[in-house]
Amino acid sequence: SGLGQTKAAQDLCVNIPADRKAHYMQPAVGHYGVFNGSRFRSEIVPRIVDFITSYGRQNRVAVKPKLVRTAKR
């Protein structure tokens, strides 16, 4: 089902320092749930935003990610 694909892809990126990589596996979701739904919005998006903003702080760059709201079904 693709578990570990992003970790494997990061291992191929040898020129990116380890402190600029992050791996997270969301428990209890399938492929669709990783990219859509309430768990994506409540548990995964905050991790992405934290990663982006911490990278900006490390490099003294003003990073303000814009969250795009999706229509609720």
Protein backbone atom coordinates (compact mmCIF):
# COMPACT_ATOMS: atom_id res chain seq x y z
CA SER A 1 0.00 0.00 0.00
CA GLY A 2 2.98 2.31 -0.28
CA LEU A 3 4.05 2.40 3.36
CA GLY A 4 7.53 3.85 3.62
CA GLN A 5 7.65 5.38 0.13
CA THR A 6 8.40 8.89 1.35
CA LYS A 7 11.11 7.58 3.69
CA ALA A 8 12.70 5.72 0.79
CA ALA A 9 12.52 8.86 -1.36
CA GLN A 10 14.24 10.88 1.38
CA ASP A 11 17.02 8.31 1.54
CA LEU A 12 17.69 9.00 -2.15
CA CYS A 13 18.08 12.75 -1.48
CA VAL A 14 21.65 12.50 -0.21
CA ASN A 15 22.39 16.23 -0.60
CA ILE A 16 19.66 17.30 1.82
CA PRO A 17 21.02 17.40 5.39
CA ALA A 18 19.31 15.08 7.89
CA ASP A 19 18.13 18.04 9.98
CA ARG A 20 16.11 19.27 7.00
CA LYS A 21 14.24 16.00 6.57
CA ALA A 22 11.23 14.79 8.50
CA HIS A 23 9.27 11.57 8.29
CA TYR A 24 5.85 11.00 9.77
CA MET A 25 3.50 8.06 9.32
CA GLN A 26 -0.13 8.83 10.19
CA PRO A 27 -1.71 5.88 12.02
CA ALA A 28 -5.13 4.52 11.10
CA VAL A 29 -5.53 6.13 7.68
CA GLY A 30 -5.36 4.71 4.19
CA HIS A 31 -3.90 6.31 1.09
CA TYR A 32 -6.97 8.52 0.57
CA GLY A 33 -7.10 9.60 4.22
CA VAL A 34 -3.51 10.82 4.18
CA PHE A 35 -4.41 13.48 1.62
CA ASN A 36 -8.04 14.28 2.41
CA GLY A 37 -10.54 14.43 5.22
CA SER A 38 -10.68 15.54 8.83
CA ARG A 39 -7.50 13.73 9.89
CA PHE A 40 -5.57 15.43 7.09
CA ARG A 41 -6.80 18.84 8.23
CA SER A 42 -6.45 18.26 11.98
CA GLU A 43 -3.32 16.08 12.24
CA ILE A 44 -1.26 16.24 9.05
CA VAL A 45 -1.60 19.87 7.91
CA PRO A 46 -0.33 21.24 11.25
CA ARG A 47 2.79 19.06 10.92
CA ILE A 48 3.41 20.35 7.40
CA VAL A 49 2.97 23.97 8.54
CA ASP A 50 5.31 23.42 11.52
CA PHE A 51 7.96 21.92 9.23
CA ILE A 52 7.71 24.80 6.75
CA THR A 53 7.80 27.50 9.42
CA SER A 54 10.70 25.89 11.31
CA TYR A 55 12.72 25.80 8.09
CA GLY A 56 12.03 29.51 7.61
CA ARG A 57 13.14 30.31 11.18
CA GLN A 58 16.38 28.38 10.72
CA ASN A 59 17.20 30.40 7.62
CA ARG A 60 15.82 33.74 8.84
CA VAL A 61 13.31 33.80 6.02
CA ALA A 62 9.79 35.05 6.58
CA VAL A 63 7.63 32.06 5.71
CA LYS A 64 3.89 32.39 6.03
CA PRO A 65 2.20 29.39 4.45
CA LYS A 66 -1.29 30.04 3.21
CA LEU A 67 -3.79 27.40 4.22
CA VAL A 68 -6.36 26.70 1.56
CA ARG A 69 -9.75 25.75 2.91
CA THR A 70 -11.54 23.01 1.04
CA ALA A 71 -15.28 22.74 0.76
CA LYS A 72 -16.80 20.38 3.31
CA ARG A 73 -18.92 17.65 1.85
